[in-house]
Amino acid sequence: MFIKQLSIFVENKSGRLAEITAIIAKAGIDIRALSVADTTNFGILRLIVDKPDEAEAALKAAGLTVSLTSVIAIGIPDRPGGFAAAAKALADAEIGIFQHRFSLV
């Protein structure tokens, strides 16, 4: 299934994640999943939330650089080998995980 993912440019300094998540909480939005890719000076925070359009608006209103993209989401059982089975199903369908944006929930 396709869902929307937020990507937020974040300065790599103490307290920034707390500030961003507080903006989202204040808007009444639930964070379902997140990932962070960082370097020494900045990072990209990727979020799956229950109300992506509202989250994008709240974050932009706070002056943050945000983009919203569609990703493919798949459910994974919470057990040993759950991710391996999902990866195999994608490989069997000749879908490259690193060629597409996925959210594994």
Protein backbone atom coordinates (compact mmCIF):
# COMPACT_ATOMS: atom_id res chain seq x y z
CA MET A 1 0.00 0.00 0.00
CA PHE A 2 1.15 3.54 -0.65
CA ILE A 3 1.43 5.99 2.24
CA LYS A 4 2.97 9.44 2.67
CA GLN A 5 6.34 10.00 4.32
CA LEU A 6 7.63 13.29 5.69
CA SER A 7 11.29 14.17 5.21
CA ILE A 8 12.51 17.00 7.41
CA PHE A 9 15.87 18.74 7.15
CA VAL A 10 17.31 18.97 10.68
CA GLU A 11 20.37 20.77 12.00
CA ASN A 12 22.50 18.33 13.98
CA LYS A 13 22.32 20.06 17.34
CA SER A 14 21.00 19.19 20.75
CA GLY A 15 17.25 19.55 21.21
CA ARG A 16 16.18 19.73 17.55
CA LEU A 17 14.43 16.34 17.59
CA ALA A 18 12.58 17.35 20.76
CA GLU A 19 11.46 20.61 19.12
CA ILE A 20 10.22 18.89 15.98
CA THR A 21 8.35 16.16 17.82
CA ALA A 22 6.77 18.79 20.10
CA ILE A 23 5.42 20.63 17.04
CA ILE A 24 3.89 17.39 15.81
CA ALA A 25 2.44 16.54 19.23
CA LYS A 26 0.95 20.02 19.64
CA ALA A 27 -0.84 19.54 16.29
CA GLY A 28 -2.41 16.32 17.63
CA ILE A 29 -0.49 14.06 15.26
CA ASP A 30 0.68 10.55 16.10
CA ILE A 31 4.15 9.40 14.96
CA ARG A 32 3.99 5.80 13.72
CA ALA A 33 7.57 5.28 12.52
CA LEU A 34 10.77 7.26 12.09
CA SER A 35 14.29 7.05 10.80
CA VAL A 36 17.21 9.45 10.88
CA ALA A 37 20.09 9.73 8.44
CA ASP A 38 22.67 12.15 9.76
CA THR A 39 26.04 13.69 9.09
CA THR A 40 28.18 15.88 11.30
CA ASN A 41 26.19 19.05 10.58
CA PHE A 42 22.67 17.99 9.58
CA GLY A 43 20.28 15.10 9.21
CA ILE A 44 17.14 14.05 7.42
CA LEU A 45 14.37 12.92 9.74
CA ARG A 46 11.84 10.70 7.99
CA LEU A 47 8.46 10.20 9.64
CA ILE A 48 5.33 8.19 9.05
CA VAL A 49 2.45 9.89 10.86
CA ASP A 50 -1.32 9.44 11.04
CA LYS A 51 -2.05 12.87 9.47
CA PRO A 52 0.79 13.62 7.03
CA ASP A 53 -0.75 16.65 5.34
CA GLU A 54 -1.45 18.34 8.68
CA ALA A 55 2.04 17.47 9.91
CA GLU A 56 3.61 18.98 6.80
CA ALA A 57 1.62 22.19 7.30
CA ALA A 58 2.52 22.45 11.01
CA LEU A 59 6.22 21.89 10.37
CA LYS A 60 6.34 24.36 7.47
CA ALA A 61 4.50 26.93 9.61
CA ALA A 62 7.31 26.49 12.16
CA GLY A 63 9.86 27.37 9.46
CA LEU A 64 11.19 23.87 8.81
CA THR A 65 12.19 22.48 5.42
CA VAL A 66 9.82 19.58 4.78
CA SER A 67 8.89 17.38 1.84
CA LEU A 68 6.10 14.83 1.54
CA THR A 69 6.55 11.79 -0.70
CA SER A 70 4.66 8.59 -1.40
CA VAL A 71 6.29 5.38 -0.22
CA ILE A 72 5.32 1.73 -0.28
CA ALA A 73 4.41 0.35 3.15
CA ILE A 74 4.40 -3.32 4.04
CA GLY A 75 3.49 -5.00 7.31
CA ILE A 76 6.08 -7.21 8.95
CA PRO A 77 5.30 -9.75 11.66
CA ASP A 78 7.03 -9.06 14.99
CA ARG A 79 9.00 -12.31 15.16
CA PRO A 80 12.46 -13.56 14.24
CA GLY A 81 12.67 -13.84 10.47
CA GLY A 82 9.77 -11.46 9.84
CA PHE A 83 11.92 -8.95 7.97
CA ALA A 84 13.76 -11.73 6.11
CA ALA A 85 10.43 -13.11 4.83
CA ALA A 86 9.33 -9.66 3.66
CA ALA A 87 12.68 -9.04 1.94
CA LYS A 88 12.43 -12.43 0.20
CA ALA A 89 8.89 -11.68 -1.02
CA LEU A 90 10.11 -8.40 -2.51
CA ALA A 91 13.14 -10.11 -4.07
CA ASP A 92 10.93 -12.86 -5.52
CA ALA A 93 8.80 -10.14 -7.12
CA GLU A 94 12.02 -8.55 -8.46
CA ILE A 95 11.44 -5.36 -6.44
CA GLY A 96 14.72 -3.79 -5.35
CA ILE A 97 14.42 -2.40 -1.82
CA PHE A 98 17.12 0.20 -2.42
CA GLN A 99 15.57 1.27 -5.72
CA HIS A 100 12.28 2.30 -4.09
CA ARG A 101 11.21 4.12 -0.94
CA PHE A 102 9.72 1.74 1.58
CA SER A 103 8.31 2.12 5.05
CA LEU A 104 8.45 -1.09 6.99
CA VAL A 105 5.74 -1.05 9.67
